[in-house]
């Protein structure tokens, strides 16, 4: 992962769930390494970012840069590719752009299905 073009050793814990069709992420930084969850982009309340799925991350990146958006962080999530861009609105207005691996499992569908008809038991589950 790179933060503002430089490698970073940022570590964070991420919890994903769904509220209907809306994905909710709870993210906790685990160290002080530069990232979008610490420093200038740390959000202590409210909306931190929204996510857009794309089939072509390179084209999405080119569009963002051409519009003057700063690519703040970039990296891989497994075999998926992700960038976070700042369109110039400051904290709470980052845009995550994710290109999921088309040959991998649809991770978000798996997570959404796990929450359907959930009875509140076994609240913490990990993916192996």
Protein backbone atom coordinates (compact mmCIF):
# COMPACT_ATOMS: atom_id res chain seq x y z
CA UNK A 1 0.00 0.00 0.00
CA UNK A 2 1.17 3.52 -0.76
CA UNK A 3 0.07 6.71 0.95
CA UNK A 4 0.60 9.83 -1.16
CA UNK A 5 3.05 7.89 -3.33
CA UNK A 6 5.18 6.51 -0.50
CA UNK A 7 5.05 2.98 0.95
CA UNK A 8 3.28 2.75 4.30
CA UNK A 9 3.01 0.06 6.94
CA UNK A 10 -0.47 1.14 8.01
CA UNK A 11 -2.39 -1.55 9.87
CA UNK A 12 -6.11 -1.34 10.54
CA UNK A 13 -9.00 -3.53 11.58
CA UNK A 14 -12.05 -3.55 9.33
CA UNK A 15 -15.57 -4.77 10.08
CA UNK A 16 -18.06 -5.07 7.22
CA UNK A 17 -21.82 -5.47 7.40
CA UNK A 18 -24.90 -4.57 5.44
CA UNK A 19 -27.94 -2.48 6.23
CA UNK A 20 -30.22 -3.60 3.42
CA UNK A 21 -28.21 -2.95 0.26
CA UNK A 22 -25.90 -0.41 1.91
CA UNK A 23 -22.50 -1.65 3.00
CA UNK A 24 -21.24 -0.26 6.30
CA UNK A 25 -17.55 -0.37 7.25
CA UNK A 26 -16.19 0.25 10.72
CA UNK A 27 -12.45 0.90 10.54
CA UNK A 28 -9.98 1.23 13.40
CA UNK A 29 -6.33 2.18 12.79
CA UNK A 30 -3.98 -0.10 14.74
CA UNK A 31 -0.82 1.99 14.39
CA UNK A 32 0.21 5.55 13.62
CA UNK A 33 1.63 4.86 10.15
CA UNK A 34 0.48 7.33 7.48
CA UNK A 35 -2.91 6.39 6.06
CA UNK A 36 -6.36 7.75 5.30
CA UNK A 37 -7.46 6.68 8.77
CA UNK A 38 -4.90 8.79 10.66
CA UNK A 39 -3.59 12.34 10.32
CA UNK A 40 -5.23 14.71 7.86
CA UNK A 41 -7.91 12.23 6.78
CA UNK A 42 -8.84 10.74 10.15
CA UNK A 43 -12.58 11.03 10.72
CA UNK A 44 -13.83 10.82 14.27
CA UNK A 45 -17.52 10.89 13.36
CA UNK A 46 -19.79 10.78 10.35
CA UNK A 47 -19.04 9.66 6.82
CA UNK A 48 -15.41 9.01 5.92
CA UNK A 49 -15.70 7.80 2.32
CA UNK A 50 -17.99 6.30 -0.30
CA UNK A 51 -17.06 3.46 -2.64
CA UNK A 52 -17.51 3.11 -6.37
CA UNK A 53 -16.90 -0.22 -8.11
CA UNK A 54 -15.17 -0.19 -11.48
CA UNK A 55 -14.06 -2.71 -14.07
CA UNK A 56 -11.03 -0.60 -15.07
CA UNK A 57 -9.09 0.97 -12.19
CA UNK A 58 -6.47 2.48 -14.54
CA UNK A 59 -9.13 4.38 -16.50
CA UNK A 60 -10.83 5.49 -13.27
CA UNK A 61 -7.49 6.77 -11.96
CA UNK A 62 -6.82 8.68 -15.18
CA UNK A 63 -10.25 10.32 -14.96
CA UNK A 64 -9.69 11.33 -11.34
CA UNK A 65 -6.26 12.81 -12.02
CA UNK A 66 -7.55 14.65 -15.11
CA UNK A 67 -10.24 16.24 -12.90
CA UNK A 68 -7.67 17.33 -10.33
CA UNK A 69 -8.42 14.73 -7.67
CA UNK A 70 -5.44 13.58 -5.61
CA UNK A 71 -4.82 9.84 -5.37
CA UNK A 72 -4.22 9.64 -1.64
CA UNK A 73 -3.81 5.89 -1.17
CA UNK A 74 -3.46 2.94 -3.51
CA UNK A 75 -2.98 -0.73 -3.02
CA UNK A 76 -4.38 -4.21 -3.30
CA UNK A 77 -7.08 -5.94 -1.33
CA UNK A 78 -6.20 -9.54 -2.04
CA UNK A 79 -6.18 -9.60 -5.83
CA UNK A 80 -8.53 -6.64 -6.09
CA UNK A 81 -7.12 -3.16 -6.72
CA UNK A 82 -8.15 -0.03 -4.85
CA UNK A 83 -7.47 3.69 -4.85
CA UNK A 84 -8.83 6.42 -2.60
CA UNK A 85 -9.03 9.88 -4.10
CA UNK A 86 -9.59 13.31 -2.58
CA UNK A 87 -11.69 15.39 -4.96
CA UNK A 88 -10.75 18.48 -2.96
CA UNK A 89 -13.45 18.58 -0.30
CA UNK A 90 -11.35 17.53 2.71
CA UNK A 91 -12.05 15.06 5.49
CA UNK A 92 -15.18 12.98 5.10
CA UNK A 93 -15.29 13.26 1.35
CA UNK A 94 -12.88 10.64 0.07
CA UNK A 95 -13.93 8.39 -2.79
CA UNK A 96 -12.82 4.77 -2.77
CA UNK A 97 -12.63 3.19 -6.22
CA UNK A 98 -12.40 -0.60 -6.19
CA UNK A 99 -11.80 -3.04 -9.01
CA UNK A 100 -12.73 -6.47 -7.72
CA UNK A 101 -10.97 -9.51 -9.08
CA UNK A 102 -13.45 -10.90 -11.64
CA UNK A 103 -12.10 -14.44 -11.14
CA UNK A 104 -12.43 -14.39 -7.36
CA UNK A 105 -15.45 -14.92 -5.18
CA UNK A 106 -17.86 -12.03 -4.82
CA UNK A 107 -16.74 -11.17 -1.31
CA UNK A 108 -19.41 -8.53 -0.76
CA UNK A 109 -22.22 -10.93 -1.67
CA UNK A 110 -20.80 -13.48 0.78
CA UNK A 111 -20.74 -10.87 3.57
CA UNK A 112 -24.24 -9.63 2.74
CA UNK A 113 -25.63 -13.18 2.72
CA UNK A 114 -24.01 -13.88 6.11
CA UNK A 115 -26.02 -11.04 7.63
CA UNK A 116 -29.39 -11.97 6.18
CA UNK A 117 -31.70 -13.30 8.89
CA UNK A 118 -28.89 -12.93 11.45
CA UNK A 119 -30.21 -13.51 14.97
CA UNK A 120 -27.49 -11.59 16.79
CA UNK A 121 -25.51 -14.62 17.89
CA UNK A 122 -21.92 -15.20 16.84
CA UNK A 123 -21.32 -11.48 16.09
CA UNK A 124 -17.64 -11.71 15.11
CA UNK A 125 -16.82 -13.94 12.18
CA UNK A 126 -13.64 -14.01 10.12
CA UNK A 127 -12.98 -15.03 6.57
CA UNK A 128 -10.46 -17.83 6.26
